C-alpha cells in the first residue's frame, strides 16, 4: 500500500490509468477496423471479411442469431451512415454510441483520476447493463421480424 495514501484507501480504490488506456486502445481499434471494412448489402455477414465463418446459428436454424448484423451496423456507423446502421442491427448503433460516450468519459475519468473500481461498481453501471441487455434482446426480435417475416 502507498505510504502517502489515506488510512481508508485500499489498493482496489487507488487510481490507475491502465484500465482506461486499455479501453481507449480497444475502442480505437474497433473504430479503425470498422472503417476499413465494407458493409454487407444483406445487412449481416460483414464479419466474414475478417476471415470468420458464416453465422452457424443462422446456417443451422435459418433464424438470425442475437448479434446478427452487429459488425455490419458498426461498419455503417463508422462510415457515417446512421440509417443503414440502425437498419442492419439497432443494438449495434446503440452499442457504438455507448462506446463513443464511454471514450469521452474515459478521458474525463483519467483527468479526474477516478479509480476504475468506483466506475465498475457504480449503480449506473449496473442499470446500464440491464438497459443494454433489454436493447440487445429487442434488437434480436427486430432482426427475426425483418429477416423471417418481412
Protein backbone atom coordinates (compact mmCIF):
# COMPACT_ATOMS: atom_id res chain seq x y z
CA UNK A 1 0.00 0.00 0.00
CA UNK A 2 1.17 3.53 -0.71
CA UNK A 3 2.55 5.19 2.44
CA UNK A 4 1.05 8.52 1.33
CA UNK A 5 -2.43 7.04 0.96
CA UNK A 6 -5.19 7.82 3.40
CA UNK A 7 -5.72 5.08 6.00
CA UNK A 8 -9.04 4.08 4.45
CA UNK A 9 -7.71 3.88 0.89
CA UNK A 10 -7.06 0.39 -0.41
CA UNK A 11 -5.21 -0.79 -3.47
CA UNK A 12 -8.57 -1.54 -5.09
CA UNK A 13 -9.59 2.12 -4.88
CA UNK A 14 -6.22 3.52 -5.97
CA UNK A 15 -6.19 5.25 -9.32
CA UNK A 16 -4.57 3.60 -12.31
CA UNK A 17 -4.85 4.85 -15.87
CA UNK A 18 -4.15 1.40 -17.35
CA UNK A 19 -7.75 0.11 -17.44
CA UNK A 20 -8.86 3.33 -19.10
CA UNK A 21 -6.00 3.34 -21.59
CA UNK A 22 -6.74 -0.28 -22.42
CA UNK A 23 -10.37 0.63 -23.12
CA UNK A 24 -9.35 3.57 -25.31
CA UNK A 25 -6.96 1.34 -27.27
CA UNK A 26 -9.63 -1.31 -27.87
CA UNK A 27 -12.18 1.37 -28.79
CA UNK A 28 -9.80 2.95 -31.29
CA UNK A 29 -9.00 -0.46 -32.78
CA UNK A 30 -12.74 -1.25 -33.21
CA UNK A 31 -13.47 2.10 -34.87
CA UNK A 32 -10.49 1.87 -37.23
CA UNK A 33 -11.26 -1.74 -38.13
CA UNK A 34 -14.93 -0.88 -38.72
CA UNK A 35 -13.90 1.94 -41.01
CA UNK A 36 -11.66 -0.37 -43.06
CA UNK A 37 -14.42 -2.90 -43.79
CA UNK A 38 -17.16 -2.68 -46.42
CA UNK A 39 -20.69 -3.22 -45.08
CA UNK A 40 -22.54 -6.23 -46.46
CA UNK A 41 -25.58 -5.35 -48.58
CA UNK A 42 -27.51 -8.20 -46.90
CA UNK A 43 -27.40 -6.43 -43.51
CA UNK A 44 -25.32 -9.22 -41.97
CA UNK A 45 -22.20 -11.19 -42.83
CA UNK A 46 -19.68 -8.35 -42.81
CA UNK A 47 -17.64 -10.28 -40.23
CA UNK A 48 -16.71 -12.77 -42.97
CA UNK A 49 -14.29 -10.15 -44.34
CA UNK A 50 -12.25 -10.81 -41.18
CA UNK A 51 -11.85 -14.47 -42.12
CA UNK A 52 -14.61 -15.63 -39.79
CA UNK A 53 -17.10 -18.27 -40.95
CA UNK A 54 -20.76 -17.51 -41.71
CA UNK A 55 -23.05 -17.43 -38.68
CA UNK A 56 -23.54 -21.02 -37.53
CA UNK A 57 -26.81 -20.19 -35.77
CA UNK A 58 -28.28 -18.73 -38.97
CA UNK A 59 -26.95 -21.60 -41.07
CA UNK A 60 -28.41 -24.30 -38.80
CA UNK A 61 -31.72 -22.71 -37.72
CA UNK A 62 -32.47 -20.31 -40.56
CA UNK A 63 -33.02 -17.62 -37.92
CA UNK A 64 -30.65 -14.76 -37.14
CA UNK A 65 -28.51 -15.05 -34.03
CA UNK A 66 -28.82 -12.34 -31.35
CA UNK A 67 -25.84 -10.45 -32.76
CA UNK A 68 -26.68 -10.89 -36.45
CA UNK A 69 -25.78 -7.67 -38.25
CA UNK A 70 -23.72 -6.22 -35.40
CA UNK A 71 -20.50 -5.93 -37.40
CA UNK A 72 -22.41 -4.55 -40.38
CA UNK A 73 -24.07 -1.99 -38.11
CA UNK A 74 -20.69 -0.90 -36.70
CA UNK A 75 -19.24 -0.58 -40.19
CA UNK A 76 -22.17 1.55 -41.39
CA UNK A 77 -21.85 3.75 -38.30
CA UNK A 78 -18.08 4.14 -38.76
CA UNK A 79 -18.78 5.28 -42.33
CA UNK A 80 -21.32 7.83 -41.06
CA UNK A 81 -24.44 6.05 -42.33
CA UNK A 82 -26.67 6.08 -39.23
CA UNK A 83 -29.86 4.96 -41.03
CA UNK A 84 -28.16 1.88 -42.51
CA UNK A 85 -26.57 1.15 -39.13
CA UNK A 86 -29.99 1.17 -37.44
CA UNK A 87 -31.47 -0.96 -40.19
CA UNK A 88 -28.71 -3.59 -40.01
CA UNK A 89 -28.86 -4.00 -36.21
CA UNK A 90 -30.35 -1.36 -33.86
CA UNK A 91 -28.32 -2.71 -30.94
CA UNK A 92 -25.12 -2.16 -32.93
CA UNK A 93 -26.00 1.51 -33.34
CA UNK A 94 -26.76 1.85 -29.62
CA UNK A 95 -23.59 -0.03 -28.65
CA UNK A 96 -21.44 2.12 -30.93
CA UNK A 97 -22.94 5.28 -29.38
CA UNK A 98 -22.31 3.91 -25.88
CA UNK A 99 -18.69 3.14 -26.81
CA UNK A 100 -18.21 6.71 -28.08
CA UNK A 101 -19.74 8.17 -24.90
CA UNK A 102 -17.57 5.88 -22.78
CA UNK A 103 -14.48 7.00 -24.68
CA UNK A 104 -15.19 10.62 -23.71
CA UNK A 105 -15.98 9.54 -20.14
CA UNK A 106 -12.72 7.59 -20.04
CA UNK A 107 -10.69 10.68 -20.90
CA UNK A 108 -12.60 12.63 -18.23
CA UNK A 109 -12.03 9.86 -15.66
CA UNK A 110 -8.29 9.88 -16.37
CA UNK A 111 -8.15 13.66 -15.92
CA UNK A 112 -10.18 13.46 -12.69
CA UNK A 113 -8.27 10.34 -11.53
CA UNK A 114 -11.39 8.35 -10.75
CA UNK A 115 -10.48 4.79 -9.69
CA UNK A 116 -11.70 2.24 -12.23
CA UNK A 117 -13.18 0.13 -9.43
CA UNK A 118 -15.51 3.00 -8.49
CA UNK A 119 -16.81 3.18 -12.05
CA UNK A 120 -17.29 -0.58 -12.38
CA UNK A 121 -19.07 -0.86 -9.02
CA UNK A 122 -21.40 2.10 -9.57
CA UNK A 123 -25.16 1.78 -9.68
CA UNK A 124 -25.11 3.45 -13.11
CA UNK A 125 -23.03 0.60 -14.49
CA UNK A 126 -25.49 -1.98 -13.17
CA UNK A 127 -28.52 -0.22 -14.63
CA UNK A 128 -26.65 0.38 -17.88
CA UNK A 129 -26.04 -3.35 -18.20
CA UNK A 130 -29.74 -4.11 -17.69
CA UNK A 131 -30.65 -1.48 -20.28
CA UNK A 132 -28.18 -2.85 -22.81
CA UNK A 133 -29.44 -6.40 -22.25
CA UNK A 134 -33.00 -5.21 -22.89
CA UNK A 135 -31.94 -3.41 -26.09
CA UNK A 136 -29.95 -6.48 -27.18
CA UNK A 137 -32.99 -8.76 -26.85
CA UNK A 138 -35.34 -6.28 -28.51
CA UNK A 139 -32.91 -5.91 -31.42
CA UNK A 140 -32.79 -9.68 -31.80
CA UNK A 141 -36.57 -9.66 -32.10
CA UNK A 142 -36.28 -6.92 -34.72
CA UNK A 143 -33.80 -8.99 -36.77
CA UNK A 144 -36.07 -12.05 -36.63
CA UNK A 145 -39.02 -9.99 -37.86
CA UNK A 146 -37.02 -8.31 -40.63
CA UNK A 147 -35.26 -11.46 -41.86
CA UNK A 148 -38.04 -14.04 -41.47
CA UNK A 149 -41.38 -12.24 -41.58
CA UNK A 150 -40.96 -9.18 -43.81
